[in-house]
Protein backbone atom coordinates (compact mmCIF):
# COMPACT_ATOMS: atom_id res chain seq x y z
CA UNK A 1 0.03 -0.21 -0.04
CA UNK A 2 0.93 3.84 -0.69
CA UNK A 3 -0.30 6.04 2.22
CA UNK A 4 -0.57 9.43 3.14
CA UNK A 5 -0.29 10.39 6.65
CA UNK A 6 -1.83 14.10 7.60
CA UNK A 7 0.16 15.82 9.97
CA UNK A 8 2.89 16.74 11.78
CA UNK A 9 4.07 16.32 15.50
CA UNK A 10 4.88 13.93 17.88
CA UNK A 11 1.43 11.96 17.63
CA UNK A 12 2.08 11.37 13.62
CA UNK A 13 5.44 10.30 14.17
CA UNK A 14 4.18 7.21 16.34
CA UNK A 15 1.90 6.95 14.00
CA UNK A 16 4.20 6.60 11.33
CA UNK A 17 6.55 4.25 12.56
CA UNK A 18 3.13 1.57 13.51
CA UNK A 19 2.58 2.44 9.59
CA UNK A 20 6.61 1.45 8.62
CA UNK A 21 6.34 -1.84 10.69
CA UNK A 22 3.29 -3.05 8.64
CA UNK A 23 4.70 -5.17 5.81
CA UNK A 24 1.71 -4.26 3.94
CA UNK A 25 3.11 -0.39 3.96
CA UNK A 26 5.15 -0.21 0.37
CA UNK A 27 5.90 3.45 0.40
CA UNK A 28 4.86 6.21 3.31
CA UNK A 29 4.40 10.23 2.52
CA UNK A 30 3.74 12.52 5.25
CA UNK A 31 2.15 16.05 4.78
CA UNK A 32 3.99 18.21 6.02
CA UNK A 33 5.90 15.85 8.77
CA UNK A 34 9.03 17.07 10.70
CA UNK A 35 12.32 16.48 10.81
CA UNK A 36 11.86 13.17 12.41
CA UNK A 37 9.23 11.57 10.23
CA UNK A 38 11.79 12.51 7.39
CA UNK A 39 13.69 9.49 8.31
CA UNK A 40 11.14 7.11 7.60
CA UNK A 41 8.66 8.44 5.43
CA UNK A 42 8.31 11.10 2.22
CA UNK A 43 7.62 14.16 3.71
CA UNK A 44 5.71 17.09 1.52
CA UNK A 45 5.05 20.86 2.32
CA UNK A 46 1.16 20.56 2.64
CA UNK A 47 -0.23 21.88 5.40
CA UNK A 48 -2.93 19.59 7.35
CA UNK A 49 -5.67 22.58 6.26
CA UNK A 50 -5.19 22.12 2.19
CA UNK A 51 -7.73 19.49 1.67
CA UNK A 52 -8.07 19.86 -2.33
CA UNK A 53 -3.85 20.12 -2.63
CA UNK A 54 -3.80 16.78 -0.32
CA UNK A 55 -6.47 15.40 -2.15
CA UNK A 56 -4.71 16.30 -5.92
CA UNK A 57 -1.41 14.70 -4.14
CA UNK A 58 -2.96 11.17 -3.42
CA UNK A 59 -4.54 11.00 -6.68
CA UNK A 60 -1.39 11.94 -8.54
CA UNK A 61 0.80 9.57 -6.21
CA UNK A 62 -1.60 6.71 -6.36
CA UNK A 63 -2.18 6.94 -2.89
CA UNK A 64 -4.49 3.99 -1.52
CA UNK A 65 -4.86 5.04 2.31
CA UNK A 66 -5.07 8.65 3.78
CA UNK A 67 -4.79 8.58 7.66
CA UNK A 68 -5.79 11.98 9.17
CA UNK A 69 -5.21 12.25 13.61
CA UNK A 70 -5.24 15.70 13.85
CA UNK A 71 -8.47 17.71 15.36
CA UNK A 72 -8.49 20.72 13.27
CA UNK A 73 -8.96 19.01 9.64
CA UNK A 74 -11.12 16.19 11.08
CA UNK A 75 -13.34 18.59 12.50
CA UNK A 76 -13.41 21.00 9.42
CA UNK A 77 -14.58 17.90 7.31
CA UNK A 78 -10.98 16.72 5.75
CA UNK A 79 -12.07 13.07 5.25
CA UNK A 80 -15.87 14.14 3.71
CA UNK A 81 -13.81 16.28 1.54
CA UNK A 82 -11.42 13.38 0.59
CA UNK A 83 -13.54 10.61 0.14
CA UNK A 84 -15.82 12.81 -2.19
CA UNK A 85 -12.79 13.18 -4.59
CA UNK A 86 -12.78 9.28 -4.21
CA UNK A 87 -10.08 8.59 -2.08
CA UNK A 88 -10.12 5.63 1.29
CA UNK A 89 -9.54 7.89 4.54
CA UNK A 90 -9.11 6.55 8.00
CA UNK A 91 -10.28 9.23 10.36
CA UNK A 92 -13.94 10.83 11.00
CA UNK A 93 -15.91 12.43 9.28
CA UNK A 94 -17.24 15.81 9.88
CA UNK A 95 -20.83 15.26 11.59
CA UNK A 96 -19.21 12.58 14.07
CA UNK A 97 -15.95 14.70 14.62
CA UNK A 98 -18.42 17.52 16.42
CA UNK A 99 -17.71 15.07 19.91
CA UNK A 100 -14.56 16.59 19.91
CA UNK A 101 -14.91 19.87 17.89
CA UNK A 102 -17.88 21.29 20.53
CA UNK A 103 -18.35 20.29 24.03
CA UNK A 104 -22.15 21.55 24.62
CA UNK A 105 -23.01 18.79 21.81
CA UNK A 106 -20.50 15.86 23.81
CA UNK A 107 -22.16 17.34 27.40
CA UNK A 108 -25.86 17.37 25.64
CA UNK A 109 -24.88 14.03 24.06
CA UNK A 110 -24.07 12.73 27.57
CA UNK A 111 -27.41 13.81 29.43
CA UNK A 112 -29.51 12.40 26.79
CA UNK A 113 -28.42 9.15 26.63
CA UNK A 114 -27.35 8.45 30.49
CA UNK A 115 -23.71 8.48 29.79
CA UNK A 116 -22.20 9.46 33.33
CA UNK A 117 -20.60 12.82 33.36
CA UNK A 118 -20.04 16.19 35.23
CA UNK A 119 -23.07 18.25 36.37
CA UNK A 120 -22.60 21.14 33.58
CA UNK A 121 -24.11 24.33 32.35
CA UNK A 122 -23.51 25.93 28.58
CA UNK A 123 -23.48 29.58 28.40
CA UNK A 124 -23.29 31.87 25.48
CA UNK A 125 -23.39 34.85 26.96
CA UNK A 126 -20.76 36.21 29.58
CA UNK A 127 -22.81 38.35 32.17
CA UNK A 128 -25.32 34.81 32.18
CA UNK A 129 -22.14 32.62 33.24
CA UNK A 130 -20.63 35.26 35.52
CA UNK A 131 -24.57 35.41 37.06
CA UNK A 132 -24.68 31.43 37.58
CA UNK A 133 -20.98 31.56 39.06
CA UNK A 134 -22.11 34.00 41.75
CA UNK A 135 -25.82 32.51 42.75
CA UNK A 136 -25.17 28.67 42.27
CA UNK A 137 -21.42 27.48 41.48
CA UNK A 138 -19.51 25.56 43.67
CA UNK A 139 -15.67 25.35 44.31
CA UNK A 140 -13.48 24.57 42.67
CA UNK A 141 -15.20 24.84 39.39
CA UNK A 142 -14.44 23.89 35.39
CA UNK A 143 -14.69 26.50 33.07
CA UNK A 144 -14.41 25.14 29.60
CA UNK A 145 -14.25 26.75 26.04
CA UNK A 146 -16.75 25.22 23.75
CA UNK A 147 -14.76 24.68 20.88
CA UNK A 148 -11.09 23.61 20.08
CA UNK A 149 -7.87 25.11 21.60
CA UNK A 150 -5.40 22.99 21.47
CA UNK A 151 -6.02 21.13 24.44
CA UNK A 152 -5.72 24.78 26.64
CA UNK A 153 -9.28 25.39 26.68
CA UNK A 154 -9.78 24.31 30.23
CA UNK A 155 -9.74 26.56 33.29
CA UNK A 156 -10.14 25.07 36.75
CA UNK A 157 -11.33 28.08 39.39
CA UNK A 158 -10.59 27.86 43.13
CA UNK A 159 -13.00 30.87 43.79
CA UNK A 160 -15.17 33.27 42.33
CA UNK A 161 -12.93 35.58 41.92
CA UNK A 162 -10.98 33.23 39.82
CA UNK A 163 -13.60 32.26 38.15
CA UNK A 164 -15.44 35.31 37.23
CA UNK A 165 -12.05 36.04 35.54
CA UNK A 166 -11.61 33.18 33.54
CA UNK A 167 -14.97 33.86 31.91
CA UNK A 168 -13.83 37.24 30.88
CA UNK A 169 -10.46 35.33 29.06
CA UNK A 170 -12.79 33.07 27.34
CA UNK A 171 -15.50 35.06 26.52
CA UNK A 172 -14.62 38.88 26.32
CA UNK A 173 -11.41 38.48 25.51
CA UNK A 174 -11.27 35.03 23.70
CA UNK A 175 -7.54 34.00 24.58
CA UNK A 176 -8.83 31.07 23.02
CA UNK A 177 -10.50 32.17 19.67
CA UNK A 178 -14.11 31.55 18.47
CA UNK A 179 -13.67 27.74 20.30
CA UNK A 180 -14.90 30.44 23.08
CA UNK A 181 -18.50 31.77 21.88
CA UNK A 182 -19.97 28.92 24.07
CA UNK A 183 -18.97 27.96 27.32
CA UNK A 184 -19.65 25.59 29.20
CA UNK A 185 -18.97 25.52 33.20
CA UNK A 186 -18.88 21.91 34.78
CA UNK A 187 -18.72 20.30 38.21
CA UNK A 188 -14.93 19.56 39.38
CA UNK A 189 -14.65 15.84 39.67
CA UNK A 190 -11.95 14.23 41.82
CA UNK A 191 -10.00 11.64 40.92
CA UNK A 192 -7.57 10.04 39.01
CA UNK A 193 -7.64 10.55 35.04
CA UNK A 194 -7.06 7.65 32.38
CA UNK A 195 -6.88 7.83 29.06
CA UNK A 196 -8.80 4.97 26.91
CA UNK A 197 -8.72 5.25 23.05
CA UNK A 198 -10.75 2.54 21.28
CA UNK A 199 -10.78 2.03 17.46
CA UNK A 200 -15.11 2.54 15.82
CA UNK A 201 -15.76 1.82 13.28
CA UNK A 202 -19.74 3.03 13.41
CA UNK A 203 -20.98 -0.05 15.24
CA UNK A 204 -18.15 -2.12 16.72
CA UNK A 205 -15.92 -1.01 19.18
CA UNK A 206 -12.28 -2.17 20.17
CA UNK A 207 -10.33 -0.62 23.24
CA UNK A 208 -6.57 0.05 23.26
CA UNK A 209 -4.50 -0.46 26.03
CA UNK A 210 -5.34 2.26 28.65
CA UNK A 211 -3.00 5.68 29.25
CA UNK A 212 -2.30 8.00 31.77
CA UNK A 213 -1.24 11.82 30.95
CA UNK A 214 0.45 14.40 32.77
CA UNK A 215 -1.05 17.91 31.72
CA UNK A 216 0.17 20.87 34.06
CA UNK A 217 3.42 22.21 32.91
CA UNK A 218 5.63 21.72 36.17
CA UNK A 219 6.04 18.87 38.48
CA UNK A 220 3.50 17.74 40.91
CA UNK A 221 1.08 18.61 38.41
CA UNK A 222 1.78 22.34 39.48
CA UNK A 223 1.48 25.35 36.50
CA UNK A 224 -0.56 26.05 33.24
CA UNK A 225 -2.10 23.19 31.64
CA UNK A 226 -0.39 22.05 28.30
CA UNK A 227 -0.99 19.48 25.65
CA UNK A 228 0.51 17.01 27.84
CA UNK A 229 4.17 16.60 29.35
CA UNK A 230 4.40 13.00 29.74
CA UNK A 231 2.22 9.62 29.71
CA UNK A 232 2.74 5.61 30.92
CA UNK A 233 0.88 2.79 30.10
CA UNK A 234 -0.77 0.65 30.63
CA UNK A 235 -2.55 2.33 33.86
CA UNK A 236 -2.29 0.19 36.92
CA UNK A 237 -5.39 2.35 38.46
CA UNK A 238 -7.42 1.33 36.07
CA UNK A 239 -8.97 -2.12 37.53
CA UNK A 240 -11.19 -5.01 36.28
CA UNK A 241 -14.22 -3.19 37.86
CA UNK A 242 -13.78 -0.01 36.80
CA UNK A 243 -13.67 -1.53 32.76
CA UNK A 244 -16.62 -3.40 33.78
CA UNK A 245 -18.29 -0.11 34.82
CA UNK A 246 -17.15 1.70 31.78
CA UNK A 247 -18.04 -1.01 28.78
CA UNK A 248 -21.64 -1.43 30.37
CA UNK A 249 -22.02 2.18 31.06
CA UNK A 250 -19.89 4.43 28.50
CA UNK A 251 -18.02 2.80 25.57
CA UNK A 252 -21.04 1.14 23.45
CA UNK A 253 -23.33 3.00 24.71
CA UNK A 254 -21.70 6.55 23.45
CA UNK A 255 -21.18 4.75 19.68
CA UNK A 256 -25.02 4.09 19.70
CA UNK A 257 -25.91 7.07 21.18
CA UNK A 258 -24.08 8.38 17.70
CA UNK A 259 -25.09 6.05 15.27
CA UNK A 260 -28.89 7.04 16.63
CA UNK A 261 -28.10 10.61 16.07
CA UNK A 262 -27.42 9.74 12.44
CA UNK A 263 -23.77 10.83 13.34
CA UNK A 264 -21.96 7.03 12.59
CA UNK A 265 -18.60 7.39 13.97
CA UNK A 266 -15.61 5.85 12.43
CA UNK A 267 -12.30 6.57 13.50
CA UNK A 268 -10.37 6.51 16.91
CA UNK A 269 -12.81 7.46 19.95
CA UNK A 270 -10.43 8.76 22.76
CA UNK A 271 -12.62 8.59 26.19
CA UNK A 272 -10.89 10.89 28.92
CA UNK A 273 -12.31 9.32 31.89
CA UNK A 274 -12.37 10.06 35.54
CA UNK A 275 -12.48 7.14 38.00
CA UNK A 276 -15.01 8.97 41.09
CA UNK A 277 -16.37 7.23 44.25
CA UNK A 278 -19.09 6.92 42.15
CA UNK A 279 -17.32 5.13 38.89
CA UNK A 280 -15.96 6.59 36.12
CA UNK A 281 -17.08 9.21 34.14
CA UNK A 282 -16.72 10.81 30.78
CA UNK A 283 -13.90 14.39 30.96
CA UNK A 284 -13.76 14.45 27.82
CA UNK A 285 -14.40 12.91 24.01
CA UNK A 286 -11.48 13.62 21.02
CA UNK A 287 -12.20 12.31 17.65
CA UNK A 288 -8.37 11.14 17.00
CA UNK A 289 -5.45 9.50 18.54
CA UNK A 290 -4.21 11.32 21.93
CA UNK A 291 -0.89 13.13 21.78
CA UNK A 292 1.60 12.35 24.10
CA UNK A 293 -0.93 8.78 24.84
CA UNK A 294 -0.23 7.74 21.10
CA UNK A 295 3.29 7.57 21.82
CA UNK A 296 3.13 4.92 24.68
CA UNK A 297 0.32 3.06 22.81
CA UNK A 298 1.36 2.36 19.53
CA UNK A 299 4.80 1.22 20.23
CA UNK A 300 3.23 -1.74 22.36
CA UNK A 301 0.73 -2.57 19.81
CA UNK A 302 1.12 -5.99 18.02
CA UNK A 303 -1.41 -6.24 15.60
CA UNK A 304 -1.13 -4.75 12.45
CA UNK A 305 -2.44 -1.27 11.98
CA UNK A 306 -3.08 -1.34 8.32
CA UNK A 307 -5.26 -4.23 8.57
CA UNK A 308 -7.26 -2.24 11.93
CA UNK A 309 -7.52 1.07 9.58
CA UNK A 310 -8.99 -1.05 6.50
CA UNK A 311 -11.31 -2.78 8.95
CA UNK A 312 -12.60 0.53 10.51
CA UNK A 313 -13.03 1.60 7.00
CA UNK A 314 -15.20 -1.22 5.83
CA UNK A 315 -17.28 -1.91 9.04
CA UNK A 316 -15.53 -5.21 10.21
CA UNK A 317 -13.44 -4.52 13.29
CA UNK A 318 -15.69 -7.18 14.71
CA UNK A 319 -13.35 -9.72 12.95
CA UNK A 320 -10.10 -8.15 14.37
CA UNK A 321 -8.14 -9.36 17.19
CA UNK A 322 -6.58 -6.37 18.87
CA UNK A 323 -3.54 -7.49 20.84
CA UNK A 324 -0.96 -5.71 22.86
CA UNK A 325 2.62 -6.70 24.07
CA UNK A 326 2.63 -7.40 27.92
CA UNK A 327 4.90 -5.23 28.90
CA UNK A 328 4.47 -0.78 29.92
CA UNK A 329 5.70 1.55 28.64
CA UNK A 330 6.50 5.88 29.71
CA UNK A 331 6.73 8.78 27.31
CA UNK A 332 8.84 11.97 28.49
CA UNK A 333 8.42 15.32 26.91
CA UNK A 334 11.24 16.96 25.93
CA UNK A 335 9.48 21.24 25.65
CA UNK A 336 11.21 24.48 25.14
CA UNK A 337 11.74 26.16 28.43
CA UNK A 338 8.75 28.63 28.88
CA UNK A 339 6.24 26.30 27.27
CA UNK A 340 3.29 27.04 26.82
CA UNK A 341 3.25 30.30 27.21
CA UNK A 342 6.98 32.15 25.81
CA UNK A 343 9.59 29.93 24.53
CA UNK A 344 12.13 29.92 22.00
CA UNK A 345 12.85 28.31 18.47
CA UNK A 346 15.44 27.28 16.45
CA UNK A 347 17.60 25.63 18.79
CA UNK A 348 19.73 23.30 17.50
CA UNK A 349 19.43 19.17 18.69
CA UNK A 350 21.93 17.14 19.65
CA UNK A 351 22.54 13.10 20.71
CA UNK A 352 19.34 11.87 18.08
CA UNK A 353 21.67 9.68 16.26
CA UNK A 354 21.85 7.46 19.96
CA UNK A 355 18.57 6.40 19.56
CA UNK A 356 18.80 5.27 15.44
CA UNK A 357 18.10 1.83 15.50
CA UNK A 358 16.75 1.25 18.67
CA UNK A 359 13.12 0.54 18.41
CA UNK A 360 14.06 -2.93 18.73
CA UNK A 361 15.02 -2.60 22.28
CA UNK A 362 12.28 -0.72 22.79
CA UNK A 363 13.53 3.16 22.76
CA UNK A 364 11.89 5.96 20.67
CA UNK A 365 12.65 9.35 19.69
CA UNK A 366 9.44 10.97 18.44
CA UNK A 367 9.85 14.06 17.43
CA UNK A 368 6.90 16.92 17.46
CA UNK A 369 8.56 20.08 17.23
CA UNK A 370 11.33 19.92 14.82
CA UNK A 371 12.30 20.78 11.53
CA UNK A 372 15.61 20.78 9.81
CA UNK A 373 17.78 24.09 9.23
CA UNK A 374 19.90 25.19 6.38
CA UNK A 375 22.93 23.21 7.26
CA UNK A 376 20.92 19.97 7.68
CA UNK A 377 21.12 20.35 11.38
CA UNK A 378 17.40 19.30 13.39
CA UNK A 379 16.29 22.41 15.23
CA UNK A 380 13.63 22.94 17.84
CA UNK A 381 10.19 24.58 16.09
CA UNK A 382 8.00 23.99 18.74
CA UNK A 383 7.03 24.45 22.37
CA UNK A 384 6.81 20.20 22.43
CA UNK A 385 10.02 19.19 20.86
CA UNK A 386 10.47 15.40 21.53
CA UNK A 387 8.80 12.28 23.38
CA UNK A 388 11.70 10.03 24.60
CA UNK A 389 9.27 7.04 24.87
CA UNK A 390 10.88 3.80 26.43
CA UNK A 391 9.54 0.25 27.15
CA UNK A 392 9.77 -2.37 29.99
CA UNK A 393 8.94 -5.82 31.96
CA UNK A 394 6.91 -3.05 34.39
CA UNK A 395 6.44 0.44 34.33
CA UNK A 396 9.17 1.32 37.37
CA UNK A 397 11.86 0.03 34.42
CA UNK A 398 9.92 1.72 31.39
CA UNK A 399 9.88 5.12 33.73
CA UNK A 400 13.93 4.33 34.53
CA UNK A 401 14.64 3.96 30.85
CA UNK A 402 12.82 6.66 29.90
CA UNK A 403 14.24 9.43 31.54
CA UNK A 404 17.85 7.78 30.91
CA UNK A 405 17.67 8.05 27.66
CA UNK A 406 16.06 11.86 27.59
CA UNK A 407 19.62 12.45 28.90
CA UNK A 408 20.94 11.28 25.54
CA UNK A 409 19.32 14.15 23.19
CA UNK A 410 20.28 17.97 24.54
CA UNK A 411 18.87 21.32 23.34
CA UNK A 412 19.27 25.02 24.44
CA UNK A 413 16.32 25.62 26.69
CA UNK A 414 15.28 21.96 27.39
CA UNK A 415 12.84 21.75 29.98
CA UNK A 416 11.18 18.41 31.65
CA UNK A 417 8.95 17.36 34.16
CA UNK A 418 10.99 14.35 36.50
CA UNK A 419 8.00 12.96 38.19
CA UNK A 420 6.44 11.54 34.58
CA UNK A 421 4.89 7.99 36.13
CA UNK A 422 5.64 9.15 40.08
CA UNK A 423 1.82 8.48 40.59
CA UNK A 424 2.99 4.27 40.10
CA UNK A 425 5.08 4.57 43.60
CA UNK A 426 1.81 3.99 45.47
CA UNK A 427 0.91 0.89 44.13
């Protein structure tokens, strides 16, 4: 097969690595890709939102499958455009991608179909939101921009003053752009969060192994929310009892609810779960592979990913035996100092050669924000620069391996959390 992958982040590098492992992959292109993906695929300078150029390239190069796992193009209708051009596409169509594109839609869907989630109210008027906060809200409370905000449109407010400032930030200052035209005020839930990703073919669902993300910028879960500073898989806190409850109350019910709404879901459905005293509840849905969860999930997947993609498209997912290695993986994100607010780019990265050929030993360096400079050097080109992933027989071994490998690579202003996976010490 000739495959075109859309995107250029750490998640796409992990997907690319899984695709080239398949004996069915004859040639992989990536648009636009990055310096790491360029080592295993041919990168082409086409942006993720340039749908017509993607379609033209795919037709010209005889592409058998287009793969997309990025929220903006999916929610804007990439799959619909490419399918209309006669191409075979793995990804979620626009009318189903709304499950991530609008938090108000997803919350209303859960309420309608009895899927457990936090209590909430939605607002389009900032004055009404502030009035609700002053009269009915309990603190801490959660404010969420309705639309896509790169994983950053969520504010946890400890008191009324913080909450009122948050309303102004989202709805008046438009820090998250049009994503803040509508806002959700949500009950603050307590418990451990777990990410559960699943392949869905419109009717059937196949769960992947679990993962646990670290969203805050600083050690001890302090600082601002980010796109994710690291993750581990599997989550030892996701017990058999929680799995039973989630399968009964959440997973298939969500797939069936989307079908009942005339929005059959095909692609990857991400369940962000909070394990509360009342059982698992949905924090959020995403319509694609998570980032950086993908960087610890796909290296452990034994099933050929192209077989799975085909089954999702064809509606035959129930015939696939989805299998993962009986081990663990940890990913430590190497970021630019100052992320997610202000940071410098263009710093030369050294030590990347130490990862070459180490995949068989369970070491990976997934590029997120990198590019080549005019001299052939790999340089930083984003807030999250690299995702260093390592496997181990246990989570503790995987964590030790990941932090050792994180020391192999360096660049000016390199920053990382020192406590990714520390929660497993509580076990």
